[in-house]
Amino acid sequence: MDPQTAADSSTNGNPILGVIFLVVAIAVFAWLLLTLQRAAAAVPEPERRFKPGLVWLAVIPFFNTIWWFFVVTRIPESLRCALLRREESHGDCGRDIGLVFAALGATGISLIFAGGLAQAIAQGLETIAADAGGPVAGFGGSLNGLGVLMILGGIACFAVFVARVHGAASRLRELDSIIQESGA
């Protein structure tokens, strides 16, 4: 197989694999959001600082860039306060890593948009002069690459955040069941 054929076959991949990947990614994201909703619901009503169903607002494009900051601060704060009322300390319940996730995601999205804008400007410059857009296009590509890396780092932080929130919610449920058993 010559290099050109190999390059052509790698860029014309099987679209079914892409669809399968997309479906799996959406399913995993929905499962993680459901985990966060259940964690928020584990906090008794008077102690809640976040309504569990509001987690699903994170599926709204662009709005979610800001919304994540509310999710990653209020759910862990609710859990932390509920655990403290039961005389149990569980650290920050994922708040700090959640803020890192939200910041990386917002910055990554911003860099990708800025990179796309720079590449659009480069295309405009190339219509004026043949080589005028080259450096701007390269800069835009660099911004896109950095944005993608930040989003990938944010995804890793999101997984850790969900795990910590889930752990705190599980501990809260455990304590509540112990209190109910001893009170009954």
Protein backbone atom coordinates (compact mmCIF):
# COMPACT_ATOMS: atom_id res chain seq x y z
CA MET A 1 0.00 0.00 0.00
CA ASP A 2 1.50 3.32 -1.01
CA PRO A 3 1.43 6.33 1.38
CA GLN A 4 -1.33 8.12 -0.51
CA THR A 5 -3.65 5.12 -0.35
CA ALA A 6 -2.95 4.75 3.37
CA ALA A 7 -3.71 8.44 3.96
CA ASP A 8 -6.93 8.20 1.94
CA SER A 9 -8.13 5.14 3.83
CA SER A 10 -7.41 6.76 7.20
CA THR A 11 -9.40 9.89 6.39
CA ASN A 12 -12.31 8.00 4.85
CA GLY A 13 -12.93 5.82 7.90
CA ASN A 14 -16.01 3.80 8.53
CA PRO A 15 -18.84 6.19 9.45
CA ILE A 16 -20.53 3.45 11.49
CA LEU A 17 -17.59 3.49 13.92
CA GLY A 18 -18.07 7.22 14.35
CA VAL A 19 -21.77 6.76 15.05
CA ILE A 20 -21.04 3.98 17.55
CA PHE A 21 -18.47 6.18 19.30
CA LEU A 22 -20.94 9.07 19.43
CA VAL A 23 -23.72 6.88 20.86
CA VAL A 24 -21.36 5.44 23.50
CA ALA A 25 -20.11 8.93 24.42
CA ILE A 26 -23.68 10.24 24.79
CA ALA A 27 -24.66 7.22 26.89
CA VAL A 28 -21.66 7.66 29.20
CA PHE A 29 -22.36 11.40 29.55
CA ALA A 30 -26.02 10.70 30.38
CA TRP A 31 -24.98 8.09 32.94
CA LEU A 32 -22.60 10.58 34.58
CA LEU A 33 -25.32 13.24 34.69
CA LEU A 34 -27.72 10.71 36.19
CA THR A 35 -25.08 9.91 38.82
CA LEU A 36 -24.83 13.61 39.68
CA GLN A 37 -28.63 13.91 39.83
CA ARG A 38 -28.84 10.96 42.23
CA ALA A 39 -26.04 12.43 44.36
CA ALA A 40 -27.89 15.74 44.60
CA ALA A 41 -31.09 13.87 45.46
CA ALA A 42 -29.29 12.07 48.32
CA VAL A 43 -29.18 15.36 50.22
CA PRO A 44 -32.38 15.87 52.25
CA GLU A 45 -34.58 18.73 51.02
CA PRO A 46 -33.85 21.27 53.79
CA GLU A 47 -30.09 20.89 53.30
CA ARG A 48 -30.07 21.08 49.47
CA ARG A 49 -28.43 23.95 47.68
CA PHE A 50 -29.17 22.51 44.24
CA LYS A 51 -32.28 20.85 42.83
CA PRO A 52 -31.32 17.45 41.38
CA GLY A 53 -33.18 17.86 38.07
CA LEU A 54 -31.23 21.01 37.23
CA VAL A 55 -28.18 18.87 36.44
CA TRP A 56 -29.74 18.19 33.03
CA LEU A 57 -29.38 21.84 32.00
CA ALA A 58 -25.76 20.88 31.31
CA VAL A 59 -26.84 19.39 27.98
CA ILE A 60 -27.66 22.85 26.58
CA PRO A 61 -24.79 23.92 24.32
CA PHE A 62 -22.97 27.16 25.24
CA PHE A 63 -25.16 27.68 28.32
CA ASN A 64 -23.47 24.69 29.92
CA THR A 65 -20.09 26.43 29.80
CA ILE A 66 -21.28 28.71 32.62
CA TRP A 67 -23.77 26.27 34.16
CA TRP A 68 -21.03 23.80 35.10
CA PHE A 69 -19.65 26.31 37.59
CA PHE A 70 -22.97 26.17 39.47
CA VAL A 71 -23.16 22.37 39.31
CA VAL A 72 -19.60 21.78 40.54
CA THR A 73 -19.93 24.14 43.47
CA ARG A 74 -23.48 23.60 44.70
CA ILE A 75 -23.77 19.81 44.65
CA PRO A 76 -20.51 19.28 46.59
CA GLU A 77 -21.42 22.08 49.00
CA SER A 78 -24.79 20.46 49.69
CA LEU A 79 -23.12 17.11 50.32
CA ARG A 80 -20.41 18.64 52.50
CA CYS A 81 -22.90 20.49 54.69
CA ALA A 82 -25.17 17.44 55.00
CA LEU A 83 -22.20 15.29 56.04
CA LEU A 84 -21.00 17.89 58.53
CA ARG A 85 -24.46 17.95 60.14
CA ARG A 86 -24.02 14.23 60.67
CA GLU A 87 -20.62 14.95 62.23
CA GLU A 88 -18.72 13.47 59.30
CA SER A 89 -16.02 15.21 57.29
CA HIS A 90 -15.56 14.20 53.68
CA GLY A 91 -13.22 16.89 52.40
CA ASP A 92 -14.49 19.20 49.69
CA CYS A 93 -16.68 16.43 48.15
CA GLY A 94 -15.12 17.06 44.74
CA ARG A 95 -15.62 20.84 44.60
CA ASP A 96 -12.01 21.76 43.75
CA ILE A 97 -11.53 19.20 40.98
CA GLY A 98 -14.97 20.19 39.68
CA LEU A 99 -13.86 23.80 39.42
CA VAL A 100 -10.74 22.69 37.54
CA PHE A 101 -13.00 20.74 35.15
CA ALA A 102 -15.29 23.73 34.60
CA ALA A 103 -12.37 26.12 34.08
CA LEU A 104 -10.58 23.79 31.66
CA GLY A 105 -13.80 23.24 29.71
CA ALA A 106 -14.64 26.94 29.47
CA THR A 107 -11.09 27.86 28.51
CA GLY A 108 -10.83 25.01 26.00
CA ILE A 109 -14.09 25.99 24.28
CA SER A 110 -12.96 29.62 24.17
CA LEU A 111 -9.62 28.65 22.61
CA ILE A 112 -11.33 26.49 19.99
CA PHE A 113 -13.62 29.39 19.04
CA ALA A 114 -10.67 31.79 18.94
CA GLY A 115 -8.72 29.32 16.80
CA GLY A 116 -11.64 28.98 14.39
CA LEU A 117 -11.91 32.77 14.19
CA ALA A 118 -8.17 33.07 13.47
CA GLN A 119 -8.45 30.46 10.73
CA ALA A 120 -11.42 32.28 9.20
CA ILE A 121 -9.40 35.51 9.24
CA ALA A 122 -6.51 33.64 7.60
CA GLN A 123 -8.79 32.50 4.79
CA GLY A 124 -9.85 36.10 4.28
CA LEU A 125 -6.23 37.23 4.19
CA GLU A 126 -5.39 34.56 1.65
CA THR A 127 -7.96 36.02 -0.73
CA ILE A 128 -6.13 39.35 -0.48
CA ALA A 129 -2.59 37.98 -0.81
CA ALA A 130 -1.54 34.39 -1.43
CA ASP A 131 0.76 33.94 1.59
CA ALA A 132 -0.71 36.51 3.97
CA GLY A 133 -2.85 34.11 5.99
CA GLY A 134 -0.23 31.41 6.68
CA PRO A 135 0.97 32.59 10.11
CA VAL A 136 -2.55 33.44 11.25
CA ALA A 137 -3.82 30.02 10.15
CA GLY A 138 -0.97 28.34 12.02
CA PHE A 139 -1.78 30.35 15.13
CA GLY A 140 -5.45 29.36 14.82
CA GLY A 141 -4.51 25.72 14.51
CA SER A 142 -2.34 26.01 17.60
CA LEU A 143 -5.22 27.54 19.54
CA ASN A 144 -7.50 24.71 18.40
CA GLY A 145 -4.95 22.10 19.48
CA LEU A 146 -4.47 23.71 22.88
CA GLY A 147 -8.23 23.95 23.31
CA VAL A 148 -8.68 20.26 22.53
CA LEU A 149 -5.95 19.36 25.05
CA MET A 150 -7.65 21.45 27.72
CA ILE A 151 -10.99 19.80 27.02
CA LEU A 152 -9.40 16.35 27.25
CA GLY A 153 -7.89 17.34 30.61
CA GLY A 154 -11.29 18.64 31.65
CA ILE A 155 -12.92 15.33 30.76
CA ALA A 156 -10.45 13.52 33.04
CA CYS A 157 -11.21 16.01 35.83
CA PHE A 158 -14.95 15.52 35.26
CA ALA A 159 -14.60 11.77 35.79
CA VAL A 160 -12.76 12.36 39.07
CA PHE A 161 -15.35 14.95 40.11
CA VAL A 162 -18.26 12.56 39.51
CA ALA A 163 -16.43 9.81 41.42
CA ARG A 164 -15.85 12.08 44.43
CA VAL A 165 -19.43 13.36 44.45
CA HIS A 166 -20.71 9.79 44.17
CA GLY A 167 -18.48 8.71 47.07
CA ALA A 168 -19.74 11.54 49.27
CA ALA A 169 -23.38 10.78 48.37
CA SER A 170 -22.85 7.09 49.13
CA ARG A 171 -21.40 7.97 52.52
CA LEU A 172 -24.34 10.27 53.23
CA ARG A 173 -26.82 7.50 52.37
CA GLU A 174 -24.87 5.12 54.61
CA LEU A 175 -24.99 7.53 57.54
CA ASP A 176 -28.70 8.21 57.02
CA SER A 177 -29.49 4.50 57.00
CA ILE A 178 -27.48 4.03 60.22
CA ILE A 179 -29.36 6.92 61.85
CA GLN A 180 -32.71 5.47 60.74
CA GLU A 181 -31.82 2.00 62.06
CA SER A 182 -30.71 3.33 65.42
CA GLY A 183 -33.75 5.58 65.73
CA ALA A 184 -36.26 2.86 64.85
